[in-house]
Amino acid sequence: MTAPFDTLALAEALKGTPLGKDGAEAVARAMADVAMADVATKRDLTELGDRLERAMLRQTIALGGIVAAIAAVATTVLKLLS
């Protein structure tokens, strides 16, 4: 995966500083590594989407169970009051 900025341009810009060529390239690589450490990949997002879909399904099933239980209690109460 590529860094979200131009590492070559950064290294080129830093070469004229006291860092020199090797130091400039090392700084550019280090900055790219830091920038990419917390970037989500397409795979990460796909896995997250799958987990969310499963969680939503579980919640839907649980809610359906609650609604069914309330309907059963309401029916029983209505029968008792009749």
N, C-alpha and C. Protein backbone atom coordinates (compact mmCIF):
# COMPACT_ATOMS: atom_id res chain seq x y z
N MET A 1 0.84 -1.17 0.00
CA MET A 1 0.00 0.00 0.00
C MET A 1 0.89 1.24 0.00
N THR A 2 0.49 2.22 -0.75
CA THR A 2 1.30 3.42 -0.84
C THR A 2 0.91 4.43 0.23
N ALA A 3 1.86 5.29 0.55
CA ALA A 3 1.63 6.33 1.56
C ALA A 3 0.69 7.38 0.99
N PRO A 4 -0.02 8.09 1.86
CA PRO A 4 -0.97 9.10 1.39
C PRO A 4 -0.30 10.40 0.96
N PHE A 5 1.01 10.37 0.81
CA PHE A 5 1.76 11.54 0.32
C PHE A 5 2.93 11.05 -0.50
N ASP A 6 3.53 11.95 -1.24
CA ASP A 6 4.63 11.61 -2.14
C ASP A 6 5.93 11.53 -1.34
N THR A 7 6.36 10.30 -1.02
CA THR A 7 7.57 10.12 -0.22
C THR A 7 8.82 10.54 -0.98
N LEU A 8 8.83 10.34 -2.30
CA LEU A 8 9.98 10.75 -3.10
C LEU A 8 10.13 12.27 -3.07
N ALA A 9 9.01 12.98 -3.20
CA ALA A 9 9.07 14.45 -3.17
C ALA A 9 9.55 14.93 -1.80
N LEU A 10 9.11 14.27 -0.74
CA LEU A 10 9.56 14.65 0.60
C LEU A 10 11.06 14.41 0.74
N ALA A 11 11.53 13.26 0.30
CA ALA A 11 12.96 12.96 0.39
C ALA A 11 13.76 13.95 -0.43
N GLU A 12 13.27 14.28 -1.62
CA GLU A 12 13.97 15.26 -2.47
C GLU A 12 14.04 16.62 -1.77
N ALA A 13 12.96 17.02 -1.14
CA ALA A 13 12.92 18.31 -0.46
C ALA A 13 13.88 18.35 0.74
N LEU A 14 14.08 17.20 1.38
CA LEU A 14 14.94 17.15 2.57
C LEU A 14 16.41 16.91 2.24
N LYS A 15 16.73 16.52 1.01
CA LYS A 15 18.12 16.19 0.67
C LYS A 15 19.06 17.38 0.85
N GLY A 16 18.58 18.58 0.62
CA GLY A 16 19.42 19.77 0.74
C GLY A 16 19.61 20.23 2.17
N THR A 17 19.03 19.55 3.11
CA THR A 17 19.15 19.92 4.53
C THR A 17 20.33 19.18 5.13
N PRO A 18 20.66 19.47 6.36
CA PRO A 18 21.76 18.75 7.01
C PRO A 18 21.51 17.23 7.13
N LEU A 19 20.30 16.78 6.88
CA LEU A 19 20.03 15.34 6.93
C LEU A 19 20.78 14.58 5.85
N GLY A 20 20.95 15.20 4.70
CA GLY A 20 21.58 14.53 3.57
C GLY A 20 20.62 13.55 2.90
N LYS A 21 21.13 12.87 1.87
CA LYS A 21 20.28 11.95 1.10
C LYS A 21 19.77 10.79 1.94
N ASP A 22 20.66 10.10 2.64
CA ASP A 22 20.26 8.94 3.44
C ASP A 22 19.29 9.32 4.55
N GLY A 23 19.57 10.42 5.23
CA GLY A 23 18.70 10.88 6.30
C GLY A 23 17.34 11.28 5.77
N ALA A 24 17.32 11.96 4.61
CA ALA A 24 16.06 12.39 4.01
C ALA A 24 15.20 11.19 3.63
N GLU A 25 15.81 10.17 3.05
CA GLU A 25 15.08 8.97 2.68
C GLU A 25 14.56 8.23 3.91
N ALA A 26 15.38 8.20 4.96
CA ALA A 26 14.96 7.54 6.20
C ALA A 26 13.76 8.26 6.83
N VAL A 27 13.80 9.59 6.82
CA VAL A 27 12.69 10.37 7.37
C VAL A 27 11.43 10.12 6.55
N ALA A 28 11.55 10.12 5.23
CA ALA A 28 10.39 9.90 4.36
C ALA A 28 9.80 8.52 4.60
N ARG A 29 10.65 7.49 4.73
CA ARG A 29 10.15 6.13 5.00
C ARG A 29 9.46 6.07 6.37
N ALA A 30 10.08 6.69 7.37
CA ALA A 30 9.51 6.66 8.72
C ALA A 30 8.16 7.37 8.74
N MET A 31 8.06 8.49 8.06
CA MET A 31 6.78 9.22 8.03
C MET A 31 5.71 8.39 7.31
N ALA A 32 6.10 7.71 6.23
CA ALA A 32 5.15 6.87 5.50
C ALA A 32 4.68 5.72 6.39
N ASP A 33 5.59 5.11 7.14
CA ASP A 33 5.22 4.02 8.04
C ASP A 33 4.24 4.50 9.11
N VAL A 34 4.50 5.66 9.68
CA VAL A 34 3.62 6.21 10.71
C VAL A 34 2.25 6.54 10.11
N ALA A 35 2.25 7.15 8.93
CA ALA A 35 0.98 7.53 8.29
C ALA A 35 0.15 6.30 7.95
N MET A 36 0.78 5.21 7.59
CA MET A 36 0.06 4.02 7.17
C MET A 36 -0.32 3.10 8.33
N ALA A 37 0.19 3.36 9.51
CA ALA A 37 -0.05 2.46 10.65
C ALA A 37 -1.54 2.32 10.98
N ASP A 38 -2.30 3.39 10.83
CA ASP A 38 -3.71 3.36 11.22
C ASP A 38 -4.67 3.46 10.04
N VAL A 39 -4.20 3.17 8.85
CA VAL A 39 -5.05 3.25 7.66
C VAL A 39 -5.76 1.91 7.48
N ALA A 40 -7.08 1.98 7.32
CA ALA A 40 -7.86 0.76 7.09
C ALA A 40 -7.75 0.34 5.63
N THR A 41 -7.60 -0.94 5.41
CA THR A 41 -7.55 -1.47 4.05
C THR A 41 -8.97 -1.84 3.60
N LYS A 42 -9.11 -2.14 2.32
CA LYS A 42 -10.42 -2.59 1.81
C LYS A 42 -10.84 -3.86 2.54
N ARG A 43 -9.89 -4.73 2.80
CA ARG A 43 -10.20 -5.97 3.52
C ARG A 43 -10.70 -5.68 4.92
N ASP A 44 -10.04 -4.72 5.62
CA ASP A 44 -10.49 -4.34 6.96
C ASP A 44 -11.94 -3.85 6.92
N LEU A 45 -12.25 -3.01 5.94
CA LEU A 45 -13.59 -2.45 5.83
C LEU A 45 -14.62 -3.52 5.47
N THR A 46 -14.23 -4.45 4.62
CA THR A 46 -15.13 -5.55 4.25
C THR A 46 -15.43 -6.42 5.47
N GLU A 47 -14.39 -6.74 6.24
CA GLU A 47 -14.58 -7.56 7.45
C GLU A 47 -15.46 -6.82 8.46
N LEU A 48 -15.25 -5.53 8.60
CA LEU A 48 -16.07 -4.74 9.51
C LEU A 48 -17.53 -4.73 9.06
N GLY A 49 -17.74 -4.56 7.77
CA GLY A 49 -19.10 -4.59 7.23
C GLY A 49 -19.77 -5.93 7.49
N ASP A 50 -19.03 -7.01 7.31
CA ASP A 50 -19.59 -8.35 7.57
C ASP A 50 -19.95 -8.51 9.04
N ARG A 51 -19.08 -8.05 9.93
CA ARG A 51 -19.36 -8.15 11.36
C ARG A 51 -20.58 -7.32 11.73
N LEU A 52 -20.71 -6.14 11.15
CA LEU A 52 -21.87 -5.29 11.43
C LEU A 52 -23.17 -5.94 10.94
N GLU A 53 -23.12 -6.56 9.75
CA GLU A 53 -24.31 -7.24 9.23
C GLU A 53 -24.74 -8.38 10.16
N ARG A 54 -23.77 -9.16 10.64
CA ARG A 54 -24.10 -10.25 11.57
C ARG A 54 -24.68 -9.70 12.87
N ALA A 55 -24.10 -8.62 13.37
CA ALA A 55 -24.61 -8.02 14.62
C ALA A 55 -26.03 -7.49 14.42
N MET A 56 -26.29 -6.88 13.28
CA MET A 56 -27.64 -6.36 13.00
C MET A 56 -28.64 -7.51 12.90
N LEU A 57 -28.24 -8.62 12.30
CA LEU A 57 -29.12 -9.78 12.21
C LEU A 57 -29.45 -10.33 13.60
N ARG A 58 -28.43 -10.43 14.46
CA ARG A 58 -28.66 -10.91 15.83
C ARG A 58 -29.62 -9.97 16.57
N GLN A 59 -29.44 -8.67 16.38
CA GLN A 59 -30.31 -7.70 17.05
C GLN A 59 -31.74 -7.80 16.52
N THR A 60 -31.89 -8.01 15.22
CA THR A 60 -33.22 -8.15 14.62
C THR A 60 -33.92 -9.38 15.17
N ILE A 61 -33.19 -10.47 15.28
CA ILE A 61 -33.77 -11.71 15.82
C ILE A 61 -34.17 -11.50 17.28
N ALA A 62 -33.31 -10.85 18.06
CA ALA A 62 -33.62 -10.59 19.46
C ALA A 62 -34.86 -9.70 19.58
N LEU A 63 -34.94 -8.69 18.76
CA LEU A 63 -36.10 -7.79 18.80
C LEU A 63 -37.38 -8.54 18.42
N GLY A 64 -37.28 -9.43 17.44
CA GLY A 64 -38.43 -10.25 17.05
C GLY A 64 -38.89 -11.11 18.21
N GLY A 65 -37.95 -11.67 18.96
CA GLY A 65 -38.30 -12.48 20.13
C GLY A 65 -38.99 -11.65 21.19
N ILE A 66 -38.53 -10.43 21.40
CA ILE A 66 -39.15 -9.55 22.39
C ILE A 66 -40.57 -9.20 21.96
N VAL A 67 -40.75 -8.87 20.69
CA VAL A 67 -42.09 -8.54 20.18
C VAL A 67 -43.03 -9.73 20.33
N ALA A 68 -42.55 -10.93 20.02
CA ALA A 68 -43.37 -12.14 20.17
C ALA A 68 -43.76 -12.36 21.63
N ALA A 69 -42.82 -12.15 22.54
CA ALA A 69 -43.11 -12.32 23.96
C ALA A 69 -44.15 -11.30 24.43
N ILE A 70 -44.02 -10.07 23.99
CA ILE A 70 -44.99 -9.03 24.37
C ILE A 70 -46.37 -9.38 23.83
N ALA A 71 -46.42 -9.87 22.59
CA ALA A 71 -47.71 -10.26 22.00
C ALA A 71 -48.34 -11.41 22.78
N ALA A 72 -47.53 -12.36 23.21
CA ALA A 72 -48.05 -13.49 23.99
C ALA A 72 -48.58 -13.02 25.33
N VAL A 73 -47.87 -12.13 25.99
CA VAL A 73 -48.31 -11.60 27.28
C VAL A 73 -49.60 -10.79 27.09
N ALA A 74 -49.66 -9.97 26.06
CA ALA A 74 -50.86 -9.16 25.80
C ALA A 74 -52.05 -10.06 25.52
N THR A 75 -51.85 -11.11 24.73
CA THR A 75 -52.93 -12.05 24.43
C THR A 75 -53.42 -12.71 25.71
N THR A 76 -52.52 -13.15 26.55
CA THR A 76 -52.88 -13.81 27.80
C THR A 76 -53.65 -12.85 28.71
N VAL A 77 -53.19 -11.63 28.81
CA VAL A 77 -53.87 -10.63 29.65
C VAL A 77 -55.27 -10.37 29.11
N LEU A 78 -55.41 -10.24 27.80
CA LEU A 78 -56.74 -10.01 27.20
C LEU A 78 -57.68 -11.18 27.46
N LYS A 79 -57.15 -12.41 27.38
CA LYS A 79 -57.98 -13.59 27.66
C LYS A 79 -58.42 -13.63 29.11
N LEU A 80 -57.52 -13.24 30.01
CA LEU A 80 -57.85 -13.24 31.43
C LEU A 80 -58.88 -12.17 31.76
N LEU A 81 -58.85 -11.07 31.04
CA LEU A 81 -59.78 -9.97 31.30
C LEU A 81 -61.14 -10.20 30.64
N SER A 82 -61.21 -11.15 29.74
CA SER A 82 -62.49 -11.40 29.03
C SER A 82 -63.43 -12.25 29.83
